[in-house]
């Protein structure tokens, strides 16, 4: 079992391009393009997941199976969050029938 802070999951930045290229080279795959999440073990990037196409690259010399799953879970959570309407939009949608009824009475 891993403690909750064993991995650091964060969005990739422009400064991470070198690390992403290194991971891709180690994994024998092409580098990721577009937005990505990086998973670190001990402060060193060990795996990365493309948020565009879901491709995963990982350091084959580290134990990254659990980290890979955590990256996929985080990506799924980010996608679900982006699809969820804002609170203001949900309140407007819930109030729409009442507004329509009020407008027809006026």
N, C-alpha and C. Protein backbone atom coordinates (compact mmCIF):
# COMPACT_ATOMS: atom_id res chain seq x y z
N UNK A 1 0.85 -1.18 0.00
CA UNK A 1 0.00 0.00 0.00
C UNK A 1 0.89 1.24 0.00
N UNK A 2 0.49 2.23 -0.78
CA UNK A 2 1.25 3.47 -0.87
C UNK A 2 0.54 4.58 -0.11
N UNK A 3 1.28 5.42 0.60
CA UNK A 3 0.63 6.55 1.26
C UNK A 3 0.09 7.54 0.22
N UNK A 4 -0.86 8.35 0.63
CA UNK A 4 -1.51 9.30 -0.27
C UNK A 4 -0.56 10.30 -0.91
N UNK A 5 0.56 10.55 -0.29
CA UNK A 5 1.51 11.52 -0.84
C UNK A 5 2.73 10.87 -1.48
N UNK A 6 2.63 9.58 -1.82
CA UNK A 6 3.75 8.88 -2.43
C UNK A 6 4.05 9.42 -3.82
N UNK A 7 2.99 9.78 -4.54
CA UNK A 7 3.12 10.32 -5.89
C UNK A 7 2.74 11.79 -5.90
N UNK A 8 3.34 12.53 -6.80
CA UNK A 8 2.90 13.90 -7.09
C UNK A 8 2.36 13.87 -8.51
N UNK A 9 1.12 14.26 -8.67
CA UNK A 9 0.49 14.34 -9.98
C UNK A 9 0.27 15.82 -10.26
N UNK A 10 0.74 16.26 -11.42
CA UNK A 10 0.61 17.69 -11.75
C UNK A 10 0.52 17.87 -13.26
N UNK A 11 -0.01 19.02 -13.69
CA UNK A 11 -0.03 19.30 -15.14
C UNK A 11 1.39 19.53 -15.65
N UNK A 12 1.66 19.06 -16.84
CA UNK A 12 2.96 19.31 -17.47
C UNK A 12 3.04 20.77 -17.89
N UNK A 13 4.22 21.33 -17.78
CA UNK A 13 4.46 22.71 -18.20
C UNK A 13 5.52 22.71 -19.31
N UNK A 14 5.80 23.88 -19.84
CA UNK A 14 6.82 23.99 -20.89
C UNK A 14 8.19 23.52 -20.38
N UNK A 15 8.45 23.70 -19.10
CA UNK A 15 9.73 23.27 -18.53
C UNK A 15 9.86 21.75 -18.47
N UNK A 16 8.76 21.03 -18.65
CA UNK A 16 8.78 19.57 -18.56
C UNK A 16 9.07 18.89 -19.90
N UNK A 17 9.26 19.63 -20.96
CA UNK A 17 9.46 19.02 -22.28
C UNK A 17 10.65 18.06 -22.29
N UNK A 18 11.72 18.45 -21.65
CA UNK A 18 12.91 17.58 -21.61
C UNK A 18 12.60 16.27 -20.88
N UNK A 19 11.89 16.36 -19.76
CA UNK A 19 11.52 15.16 -19.01
C UNK A 19 10.57 14.28 -19.81
N UNK A 20 9.63 14.90 -20.54
CA UNK A 20 8.69 14.13 -21.36
C UNK A 20 9.43 13.41 -22.48
N UNK A 21 10.39 14.07 -23.09
CA UNK A 21 11.18 13.43 -24.14
C UNK A 21 12.01 12.28 -23.57
N UNK A 22 12.57 12.47 -22.38
CA UNK A 22 13.35 11.41 -21.75
C UNK A 22 12.47 10.20 -21.45
N UNK A 23 11.28 10.45 -20.90
CA UNK A 23 10.36 9.34 -20.61
C UNK A 23 9.97 8.60 -21.88
N UNK A 24 9.66 9.35 -22.93
CA UNK A 24 9.27 8.73 -24.19
C UNK A 24 10.41 7.89 -24.75
N UNK A 25 11.61 8.40 -24.66
CA UNK A 25 12.78 7.67 -25.16
C UNK A 25 13.00 6.38 -24.37
N UNK A 26 12.89 6.47 -23.04
CA UNK A 26 13.04 5.29 -22.20
C UNK A 26 11.97 4.24 -22.51
N UNK A 27 10.76 4.72 -22.79
CA UNK A 27 9.63 3.82 -23.04
C UNK A 27 9.57 3.35 -24.50
N UNK A 28 10.41 3.92 -25.36
CA UNK A 28 10.42 3.53 -26.76
C UNK A 28 9.20 4.02 -27.53
N UNK A 29 8.66 5.14 -27.12
CA UNK A 29 7.47 5.71 -27.77
C UNK A 29 7.75 7.15 -28.18
N UNK A 30 6.85 7.68 -29.01
CA UNK A 30 7.02 9.07 -29.41
C UNK A 30 6.58 9.98 -28.26
N UNK A 31 7.16 11.17 -28.18
CA UNK A 31 6.82 12.09 -27.09
C UNK A 31 5.36 12.52 -27.15
N UNK A 32 4.83 12.88 -25.98
CA UNK A 32 3.46 13.37 -25.90
C UNK A 32 3.39 14.79 -26.44
N UNK A 33 2.26 15.12 -27.02
CA UNK A 33 2.04 16.50 -27.45
C UNK A 33 0.74 16.98 -26.85
N UNK A 34 0.64 18.25 -26.64
CA UNK A 34 -0.57 18.81 -26.04
C UNK A 34 -0.54 18.71 -24.53
N UNK A 35 -1.68 18.97 -23.90
CA UNK A 35 -1.73 18.96 -22.44
C UNK A 35 -1.49 17.54 -21.90
N UNK A 36 -0.80 17.47 -20.78
CA UNK A 36 -0.48 16.18 -20.18
C UNK A 36 -0.39 16.31 -18.66
N UNK A 37 -0.52 15.17 -18.01
CA UNK A 37 -0.27 15.08 -16.58
C UNK A 37 1.04 14.34 -16.39
N UNK A 38 1.79 14.76 -15.39
CA UNK A 38 3.05 14.10 -15.05
C UNK A 38 2.92 13.52 -13.65
N UNK A 39 3.38 12.29 -13.49
CA UNK A 39 3.43 11.66 -12.19
C UNK A 39 4.88 11.54 -11.75
N UNK A 40 5.16 12.03 -10.57
CA UNK A 40 6.52 11.99 -10.05
C UNK A 40 6.63 11.02 -8.89
N UNK A 41 7.77 10.36 -8.82
CA UNK A 41 8.11 9.52 -7.67
C UNK A 41 9.40 10.10 -7.10
N UNK A 42 9.36 10.54 -5.88
CA UNK A 42 10.54 11.13 -5.26
C UNK A 42 11.01 12.38 -5.97
N UNK A 43 10.08 13.14 -6.55
CA UNK A 43 10.42 14.39 -7.24
C UNK A 43 10.94 14.21 -8.65
N UNK A 44 10.96 12.98 -9.16
CA UNK A 44 11.46 12.71 -10.51
C UNK A 44 10.31 12.21 -11.37
N UNK A 45 10.07 12.83 -12.54
CA UNK A 45 9.00 12.35 -13.41
C UNK A 45 9.20 10.88 -13.78
N UNK A 46 8.17 10.07 -13.51
CA UNK A 46 8.25 8.64 -13.77
C UNK A 46 7.24 8.18 -14.82
N UNK A 47 6.18 8.96 -15.02
CA UNK A 47 5.16 8.61 -16.01
C UNK A 47 4.42 9.87 -16.40
N UNK A 48 3.84 9.84 -17.59
CA UNK A 48 3.05 10.98 -18.06
C UNK A 48 1.90 10.46 -18.91
N UNK A 49 0.79 11.18 -18.88
CA UNK A 49 -0.41 10.80 -19.60
C UNK A 49 -0.89 11.98 -20.41
N UNK A 50 -1.11 11.76 -21.70
CA UNK A 50 -1.64 12.81 -22.57
C UNK A 50 -3.12 13.00 -22.27
N UNK A 51 -3.53 14.23 -22.07
CA UNK A 51 -4.95 14.53 -21.86
C UNK A 51 -5.69 14.64 -23.19
N UNK A 52 -4.95 14.68 -24.28
CA UNK A 52 -5.56 14.77 -25.61
C UNK A 52 -5.99 13.41 -26.13
N UNK A 53 -5.06 12.44 -26.07
CA UNK A 53 -5.36 11.14 -26.68
C UNK A 53 -5.23 9.96 -25.71
N UNK A 54 -4.90 10.22 -24.45
CA UNK A 54 -4.85 9.16 -23.46
C UNK A 54 -3.60 8.29 -23.50
N UNK A 55 -2.61 8.66 -24.35
CA UNK A 55 -1.38 7.87 -24.41
C UNK A 55 -0.59 8.04 -23.12
N UNK A 56 0.04 6.94 -22.70
CA UNK A 56 0.81 6.94 -21.48
C UNK A 56 2.25 6.58 -21.81
N UNK A 57 3.18 7.30 -21.22
CA UNK A 57 4.60 6.94 -21.31
C UNK A 57 5.11 6.81 -19.88
N UNK A 58 5.99 5.85 -19.67
CA UNK A 58 6.48 5.60 -18.31
C UNK A 58 7.91 5.09 -18.35
N UNK A 59 8.61 5.35 -17.27
CA UNK A 59 9.97 4.86 -17.10
C UNK A 59 9.91 3.36 -16.81
N UNK A 60 10.43 2.52 -17.71
CA UNK A 60 10.35 1.07 -17.49
C UNK A 60 11.24 0.57 -16.35
N UNK A 61 12.10 1.43 -15.83
CA UNK A 61 13.01 1.03 -14.76
C UNK A 61 12.46 1.37 -13.38
N UNK A 62 11.25 1.91 -13.34
CA UNK A 62 10.59 2.21 -12.07
C UNK A 62 9.27 1.47 -12.01
N UNK A 63 8.78 1.26 -10.81
CA UNK A 63 7.48 0.61 -10.64
C UNK A 63 6.39 1.67 -10.84
N UNK A 64 5.81 1.67 -12.02
CA UNK A 64 4.85 2.72 -12.37
C UNK A 64 3.45 2.21 -12.62
N UNK A 65 3.16 0.95 -12.35
CA UNK A 65 1.83 0.41 -12.62
C UNK A 65 0.75 1.15 -11.83
N UNK A 66 0.96 1.34 -10.55
CA UNK A 66 -0.03 2.05 -9.72
C UNK A 66 -0.07 3.51 -10.11
N UNK A 67 1.09 4.11 -10.35
CA UNK A 67 1.14 5.51 -10.76
C UNK A 67 0.36 5.71 -12.06
N UNK A 68 0.48 4.79 -13.00
CA UNK A 68 -0.24 4.89 -14.26
C UNK A 68 -1.75 4.90 -14.03
N UNK A 69 -2.21 4.05 -13.12
CA UNK A 69 -3.65 4.02 -12.80
C UNK A 69 -4.08 5.32 -12.12
N UNK A 70 -3.25 5.85 -11.24
CA UNK A 70 -3.57 7.11 -10.57
C UNK A 70 -3.65 8.24 -11.60
N UNK A 71 -2.74 8.25 -12.58
CA UNK A 71 -2.79 9.26 -13.64
C UNK A 71 -4.10 9.15 -14.43
N UNK A 72 -4.51 7.93 -14.76
CA UNK A 72 -5.77 7.74 -15.50
C UNK A 72 -6.97 8.17 -14.68
N UNK A 73 -6.95 7.89 -13.38
CA UNK A 73 -8.04 8.32 -12.51
C UNK A 73 -8.11 9.84 -12.46
N UNK A 74 -6.96 10.49 -12.31
CA UNK A 74 -6.94 11.95 -12.25
C UNK A 74 -7.43 12.55 -13.56
N UNK A 75 -7.02 11.98 -14.69
CA UNK A 75 -7.47 12.48 -15.99
C UNK A 75 -8.98 12.33 -16.12
N UNK A 76 -9.52 11.20 -15.67
CA UNK A 76 -10.97 11.00 -15.71
C UNK A 76 -11.70 12.01 -14.84
N UNK A 77 -11.14 12.31 -13.68
CA UNK A 77 -11.75 13.31 -12.80
C UNK A 77 -11.73 14.69 -13.44
N UNK A 78 -10.63 15.03 -14.10
CA UNK A 78 -10.55 16.33 -14.77
C UNK A 78 -11.56 16.43 -15.91
N UNK A 79 -11.74 15.34 -16.66
CA UNK A 79 -12.73 15.35 -17.74
C UNK A 79 -14.14 15.48 -17.18
N UNK A 80 -14.45 14.75 -16.11
CA UNK A 80 -15.78 14.84 -15.51
C UNK A 80 -16.03 16.25 -14.99
N UNK A 81 -15.04 16.85 -14.37
CA UNK A 81 -15.19 18.20 -13.85
C UNK A 81 -15.44 19.20 -14.98
N UNK A 82 -14.75 19.03 -16.10
CA UNK A 82 -14.92 19.97 -17.21
C UNK A 82 -16.30 19.83 -17.85
N UNK A 83 -16.93 18.66 -17.74
CA UNK A 83 -18.26 18.46 -18.31
C UNK A 83 -19.38 18.91 -17.38
N UNK A 84 -19.07 19.12 -16.11
CA UNK A 84 -20.08 19.50 -15.13
C UNK A 84 -20.37 21.00 -15.26
N UNK A 85 -21.64 21.35 -15.46
CA UNK A 85 -21.98 22.78 -15.56
C UNK A 85 -21.66 23.50 -14.25
N UNK A 86 -21.41 24.78 -14.37
CA UNK A 86 -21.12 25.58 -13.18
C UNK A 86 -22.37 25.66 -12.30
N UNK A 87 -22.18 26.04 -11.05
CA UNK A 87 -23.30 26.19 -10.13
C UNK A 87 -24.31 27.20 -10.68
N UNK A 88 -23.82 28.30 -11.21
CA UNK A 88 -24.72 29.32 -11.75
C UNK A 88 -25.57 28.75 -12.90
N UNK A 89 -24.96 27.97 -13.77
CA UNK A 89 -25.71 27.36 -14.88
C UNK A 89 -26.75 26.38 -14.36
N UNK A 90 -26.41 25.60 -13.34
CA UNK A 90 -27.37 24.65 -12.79
C UNK A 90 -28.53 25.35 -12.11
N UNK A 91 -28.27 26.45 -11.41
CA UNK A 91 -29.35 27.21 -10.77
C UNK A 91 -30.25 27.83 -11.84
N UNK A 92 -29.67 28.41 -12.89
CA UNK A 92 -30.47 28.97 -13.98
C UNK A 92 -31.37 27.92 -14.62
N UNK A 93 -30.81 26.74 -14.86
CA UNK A 93 -31.61 25.66 -15.46
C UNK A 93 -32.74 25.23 -14.54
N UNK A 94 -32.46 25.15 -13.24
CA UNK A 94 -33.50 24.75 -12.28
C UNK A 94 -34.59 25.81 -12.16
N UNK A 95 -34.24 27.07 -12.32
CA UNK A 95 -35.20 28.17 -12.17
C UNK A 95 -35.95 28.48 -13.46
N UNK A 96 -35.52 27.95 -14.58
CA UNK A 96 -36.14 28.27 -15.87
C UNK A 96 -37.64 28.01 -15.89
N UNK A 97 -38.14 26.87 -15.38
CA UNK A 97 -39.59 26.68 -15.41
C UNK A 97 -40.35 27.72 -14.59
N UNK A 98 -39.77 28.15 -13.48
CA UNK A 98 -40.43 29.15 -12.64
C UNK A 98 -40.43 30.51 -13.32
N UNK A 99 -39.35 30.84 -14.00
CA UNK A 99 -39.29 32.10 -14.74
C UNK A 99 -40.32 32.11 -15.86
N UNK A 100 -40.42 31.00 -16.58
CA UNK A 100 -41.38 30.92 -17.69
C UNK A 100 -42.80 31.05 -17.18
N UNK A 101 -43.11 30.41 -16.05
CA UNK A 101 -44.46 30.51 -15.47
C UNK A 101 -44.75 31.93 -15.01
N UNK A 102 -43.76 32.57 -14.42
CA UNK A 102 -43.92 33.94 -13.95
C UNK A 102 -44.10 34.90 -15.14
N UNK A 103 -43.36 34.69 -16.21
CA UNK A 103 -43.45 35.56 -17.38
C UNK A 103 -44.81 35.42 -18.06
N UNK A 104 -45.38 34.22 -18.06
CA UNK A 104 -46.68 34.04 -18.70
C UNK A 104 -47.81 34.65 -17.88
N UNK A 105 -47.62 34.83 -16.57
CA UNK A 105 -48.65 35.43 -15.71
C UNK A 105 -48.60 36.94 -15.76
N UNK A 106 -47.49 37.49 -16.18
CA UNK A 106 -47.35 38.96 -16.13
C UNK A 106 -47.98 39.63 -17.32
